[in-house]
Amino acid sequence: MIYKVESGAVQTALSGESSAAYQNQSGEIVSDQAMAFVSSGSMAGNVDVISAETTAVVYAGDYLNKLTGESVERECRRKIAEGATQLVVNFSKTELVNSIGVSILLGVIDAAKTNGASVTFADVNEDTAELFEMLGLTKHVRLVHGQ
């Protein structure tokens, strides 16, 4: 099943435990996460967010630095406060993550764990996945590779 997001709203809803794909606003398939999208998403600055009952998908943007990292962190913390128990940070458009971006991701992981939520990194490119592995982030998150 493909979930399509247009103008920050989820068009199709279906729950299930099998893999699912969804499309971003550009129509590209961006992840194969199994999710039940049941509510609308929002735009937070340049960070797309898709919400579900207990799952939030936050798109990291093309360069995860202090500015975009703070937007990602703010949205993740907001979704945790709203009751999300699973955060998915989607890196499908992310080409580069700097040291401040990694530090902010560690803060997101800590906030999630403190509140009983899990964190998944989706569609991480090979170089960034290697960086996350080398720095130990993969011990605390689940990596899901894209299409």
C-alpha atoms as a PDB file:
ATOM      1  CA  MET A   1       0.000   0.000   0.000  1.00  0.00           C
ATOM      2  CA  ILE A   2       1.311   3.470  -0.819  1.00  0.00           C
ATOM      3  CA  TYR A   3       0.348   6.414   1.375  1.00  0.00           C
ATOM      4  CA  LYS A   4       0.393   9.744  -0.386  1.00  0.00           C
ATOM      5  CA  VAL A   5       1.016  13.071   1.318  1.00  0.00           C
ATOM      6  CA  GLU A   6      -0.138  16.257  -0.384  1.00  0.00           C
ATOM      7  CA  SER A   7      -0.074  19.711   1.173  1.00  0.00           C
ATOM      8  CA  GLY A   8       0.768  18.207   4.539  1.00  0.00           C
ATOM      9  CA  ALA A   9      -2.264  15.906   4.681  1.00  0.00           C
ATOM     10  CA  VAL A  10      -2.421  12.146   4.482  1.00  0.00           C
ATOM     11  CA  GLN A  11      -4.804  11.037   1.721  1.00  0.00           C
ATOM     12  CA  THR A  12      -5.025   7.304   2.298  1.00  0.00           C
ATOM     13  CA  ALA A  13      -5.339   5.493   5.627  1.00  0.00           C
ATOM     14  CA  LEU A  14      -4.768   1.826   6.334  1.00  0.00           C
ATOM     15  CA  SER A  15      -3.267   0.014   9.289  1.00  0.00           C
ATOM     16  CA  GLY A  16      -1.286  -3.162   9.195  1.00  0.00           C
ATOM     17  CA  GLU A  17       1.854  -4.899  10.306  1.00  0.00           C
ATOM     18  CA  SER A  18       3.295  -5.506   6.846  1.00  0.00           C
ATOM     19  CA  SER A  19       5.561  -3.107   5.033  1.00  0.00           C
ATOM     20  CA  ALA A  20       4.004  -0.026   3.562  1.00  0.00           C
ATOM     21  CA  ALA A  21       5.364   2.726   1.371  1.00  0.00           C
ATOM     22  CA  TYR A  22       4.369   6.345   1.363  1.00  0.00           C
ATOM     23  CA  GLN A  23       5.030   9.231  -0.956  1.00  0.00           C
ATOM     24  CA  ASN A  24       6.264  12.681  -0.074  1.00  0.00           C
ATOM     25  CA  GLN A  25       4.807  15.874  -1.515  1.00  0.00           C
ATOM     26  CA  SER A  26       6.972  15.478  -4.617  1.00  0.00           C
ATOM     27  CA  GLY A  27       5.413  12.072  -5.251  1.00  0.00           C
ATOM     28  CA  GLU A  28       8.582  10.136  -4.432  1.00  0.00           C
ATOM     29  CA  ILE A  29       8.341   6.920  -2.429  1.00  0.00           C
ATOM     30  CA  VAL A  30      10.282   7.686   0.728  1.00  0.00           C
ATOM     31  CA  SER A  31       9.991   4.759   3.123  1.00  0.00           C
ATOM     32  CA  ASP A  32       8.785   1.224   3.611  1.00  0.00           C
ATOM     33  CA  GLN A  33       7.619   1.645   7.207  1.00  0.00           C
ATOM     34  CA  ALA A  34       4.537  -0.254   8.394  1.00  0.00           C
ATOM     35  CA  MET A  35       2.324   2.518   9.746  1.00  0.00           C
ATOM     36  CA  ALA A  36      -1.289   3.421  10.309  1.00  0.00           C
ATOM     37  CA  PHE A  37      -1.752   6.983   9.124  1.00  0.00           C
ATOM     38  CA  VAL A  38      -4.984   8.287  10.560  1.00  0.00           C
ATOM     39  CA  SER A  39      -4.526  12.021  10.991  1.00  0.00           C
ATOM     40  CA  SER A  40      -3.134  14.950   9.070  1.00  0.00           C
ATOM     41  CA  GLY A  41       0.458  16.061   8.978  1.00  0.00           C
ATOM     42  CA  SER A  42       1.849  19.556   9.261  1.00  0.00           C
ATOM     43  CA  MET A  43       4.652  21.684   7.932  1.00  0.00           C
ATOM     44  CA  ALA A  44       7.055  23.034  10.536  1.00  0.00           C
ATOM     45  CA  GLY A  45       9.390  25.469   8.900  1.00  0.00           C
ATOM     46  CA  ASN A  46      11.209  23.311   6.373  1.00  0.00           C
ATOM     47  CA  VAL A  47      10.528  20.061   8.240  1.00  0.00           C
ATOM     48  CA  ASP A  48       7.647  17.882   7.020  1.00  0.00           C
ATOM     49  CA  VAL A  49       5.787  15.915   9.675  1.00  0.00           C
ATOM     50  CA  ILE A  50       3.287  13.089   9.232  1.00  0.00           C
ATOM     51  CA  SER A  51       1.300  12.081  12.294  1.00  0.00           C
ATOM     52  CA  ALA A  52      -0.525   8.916  13.204  1.00  0.00           C
ATOM     53  CA  GLU A  53      -2.161   7.741  16.414  1.00  0.00           C
ATOM     54  CA  THR A  54       1.155   6.725  17.964  1.00  0.00           C
ATOM     55  CA  THR A  55       3.654   7.284  15.128  1.00  0.00           C
ATOM     56  CA  ALA A  56       5.212  10.506  13.870  1.00  0.00           C
ATOM     57  CA  VAL A  57       7.390  10.748  10.770  1.00  0.00           C
ATOM     58  CA  VAL A  58       9.716  13.752  10.680  1.00  0.00           C
ATOM     59  CA  TYR A  59      11.704  14.534   7.511  1.00  0.00           C
ATOM     60  CA  ALA A  60      15.230  15.736   8.266  1.00  0.00           C
ATOM     61  CA  GLY A  61      15.787  17.856   5.145  1.00  0.00           C
ATOM     62  CA  ASP A  62      18.871  17.930   2.922  1.00  0.00           C
ATOM     63  CA  TYR A  63      21.450  19.062   5.507  1.00  0.00           C
ATOM     64  CA  LEU A  64      21.064  18.235   9.186  1.00  0.00           C
ATOM     65  CA  ASN A  65      22.848  21.061  10.993  1.00  0.00           C
ATOM     66  CA  LYS A  66      21.969  23.296  13.947  1.00  0.00           C
ATOM     67  CA  LEU A  67      19.070  25.042  12.214  1.00  0.00           C
ATOM     68  CA  THR A  68      17.330  22.038  10.695  1.00  0.00           C
ATOM     69  CA  GLY A  69      18.316  19.856  13.647  1.00  0.00           C
ATOM     70  CA  GLU A  70      16.527  22.173  16.052  1.00  0.00           C
ATOM     71  CA  SER A  71      13.398  22.017  13.866  1.00  0.00           C
ATOM     72  CA  VAL A  72      13.557  18.209  13.829  1.00  0.00           C
ATOM     73  CA  GLU A  73      14.090  18.108  17.596  1.00  0.00           C
ATOM     74  CA  ARG A  74      11.227  20.542  18.252  1.00  0.00           C
ATOM     75  CA  GLU A  75       8.825  18.485  16.130  1.00  0.00           C
ATOM     76  CA  CYS A  76       9.932  15.194  17.715  1.00  0.00           C
ATOM     77  CA  ARG A  77       9.498  16.581  21.228  1.00  0.00           C
ATOM     78  CA  ARG A  78       6.104  18.028  20.280  1.00  0.00           C
ATOM     79  CA  LYS A  79       4.958  14.670  18.908  1.00  0.00           C
ATOM     80  CA  ILE A  80       6.171  12.850  22.032  1.00  0.00           C
ATOM     81  CA  ALA A  81       4.222  15.337  24.174  1.00  0.00           C
ATOM     82  CA  GLU A  82       1.161  14.610  22.019  1.00  0.00           C
ATOM     83  CA  GLY A  83       1.514  10.889  22.769  1.00  0.00           C
ATOM     84  CA  ALA A  84       3.619   9.451  19.951  1.00  0.00           C
ATOM     85  CA  THR A  85       5.332   6.238  20.999  1.00  0.00           C
ATOM     86  CA  GLN A  86       7.278   5.793  17.761  1.00  0.00           C
ATOM     87  CA  LEU A  87       9.316   8.488  16.062  1.00  0.00           C
ATOM     88  CA  VAL A  88      10.561   7.960  12.532  1.00  0.00           C
ATOM     89  CA  VAL A  89      13.179  10.411  11.331  1.00  0.00           C
ATOM     90  CA  ASN A  90      13.292  10.147   7.548  1.00  0.00           C
ATOM     91  CA  PHE A  91      16.623  10.930   5.916  1.00  0.00           C
ATOM     92  CA  SER A  92      15.561  10.317   2.296  1.00  0.00           C
ATOM     93  CA  LYS A  93      16.631  13.811   1.205  1.00  0.00           C
ATOM     94  CA  THR A  94      19.506  14.189   3.663  1.00  0.00           C
ATOM     95  CA  GLU A  95      22.900  14.402   2.018  1.00  0.00           C
ATOM     96  CA  LEU A  96      24.946  15.584   4.998  1.00  0.00           C
ATOM     97  CA  VAL A  97      24.745  15.437   8.804  1.00  0.00           C
ATOM     98  CA  ASN A  98      27.223  17.539  10.763  1.00  0.00           C
ATOM     99  CA  SER A  99      28.399  17.071  14.360  1.00  0.00           C
ATOM    100  CA  ILE A 100      25.771  19.443  15.764  1.00  0.00           C
ATOM    101  CA  GLY A 101      23.091  17.486  13.879  1.00  0.00           C
ATOM    102  CA  VAL A 102      24.355  14.254  15.475  1.00  0.00           C
ATOM    103  CA  SER A 103      24.308  15.892  18.909  1.00  0.00           C
ATOM    104  CA  ILE A 104      20.728  17.017  18.385  1.00  0.00           C
ATOM    105  CA  LEU A 105      19.735  13.506  17.261  1.00  0.00           C
ATOM    106  CA  LEU A 106      21.220  12.171  20.517  1.00  0.00           C
ATOM    107  CA  GLY A 107      18.934  14.609  22.357  1.00  0.00           C
ATOM    108  CA  VAL A 108      15.941  13.310  20.387  1.00  0.00           C
ATOM    109  CA  ILE A 109      16.869   9.714  21.223  1.00  0.00           C
ATOM    110  CA  ASP A 110      17.246  10.602  24.912  1.00  0.00           C
ATOM    111  CA  ALA A 111      13.902  12.443  25.021  1.00  0.00           C
ATOM    112  CA  ALA A 112      12.181   9.533  23.303  1.00  0.00           C
ATOM    113  CA  LYS A 113      13.652   6.922  25.652  1.00  0.00           C
ATOM    114  CA  THR A 114      12.805   9.050  28.705  1.00  0.00           C
ATOM    115  CA  ASN A 115       9.175   9.108  27.535  1.00  0.00           C
ATOM    116  CA  GLY A 116       8.995   5.452  26.493  1.00  0.00           C
ATOM    117  CA  ALA A 117       9.082   6.098  22.744  1.00  0.00           C
ATOM    118  CA  SER A 118      11.197   4.306  20.163  1.00  0.00           C
ATOM    119  CA  VAL A 119      13.171   5.977  17.381  1.00  0.00           C
ATOM    120  CA  THR A 120      13.649   4.731  13.841  1.00  0.00           C
ATOM    121  CA  PHE A 121      15.925   6.309  11.249  1.00  0.00           C
ATOM    122  CA  ALA A 122      14.541   5.655   7.759  1.00  0.00           C
ATOM    123  CA  ASP A 123      16.120   5.958   4.324  1.00  0.00           C
ATOM    124  CA  VAL A 124      19.583   6.790   5.648  1.00  0.00           C
ATOM    125  CA  ASN A 125      22.224   6.941   2.901  1.00  0.00           C
ATOM    126  CA  GLU A 126      25.222   4.634   3.159  1.00  0.00           C
ATOM    127  CA  ASP A 127      27.720   7.279   4.323  1.00  0.00           C
ATOM    128  CA  THR A 128      25.394   8.628   7.018  1.00  0.00           C
ATOM    129  CA  ALA A 129      24.532   5.094   8.186  1.00  0.00           C
ATOM    130  CA  GLU A 130      28.261   4.401   8.531  1.00  0.00           C
ATOM    131  CA  LEU A 131      28.675   7.625  10.537  1.00  0.00           C
ATOM    132  CA  PHE A 132      25.774   6.701  12.833  1.00  0.00           C
ATOM    133  CA  GLU A 133      27.257   3.215  13.307  1.00  0.00           C
ATOM    134  CA  MET A 134      30.715   4.605  14.068  1.00  0.00           C
ATOM    135  CA  LEU A 135      29.317   7.071  16.622  1.00  0.00           C
ATOM    136  CA  GLY A 136      27.114   4.457  18.304  1.00  0.00           C
ATOM    137  CA  LEU A 137      23.704   5.904  17.412  1.00  0.00           C
ATOM    138  CA  THR A 138      22.613   2.607  15.873  1.00  0.00           C
ATOM    139  CA  LYS A 139      22.716   0.998  19.334  1.00  0.00           C
ATOM    140  CA  HIS A 140      19.779   3.213  20.295  1.00  0.00           C
ATOM    141  CA  VAL A 141      17.717   3.423  17.099  1.00  0.00           C
ATOM    142  CA  ARG A 142      16.413   1.110  14.424  1.00  0.00           C
ATOM    143  CA  LEU A 143      17.696   1.741  10.892  1.00  0.00           C
ATOM    144  CA  VAL A 144      15.294   1.037   8.036  1.00  0.00           C
ATOM    145  CA  HIS A 145      16.686   1.229   4.527  1.00  0.00           C
ATOM    146  CA  GLY A 146      14.523   2.630   1.734  1.00  0.00           C
ATOM    147  CA  GLN A 147      13.392   1.407  -1.613  1.00  0.00           C
END
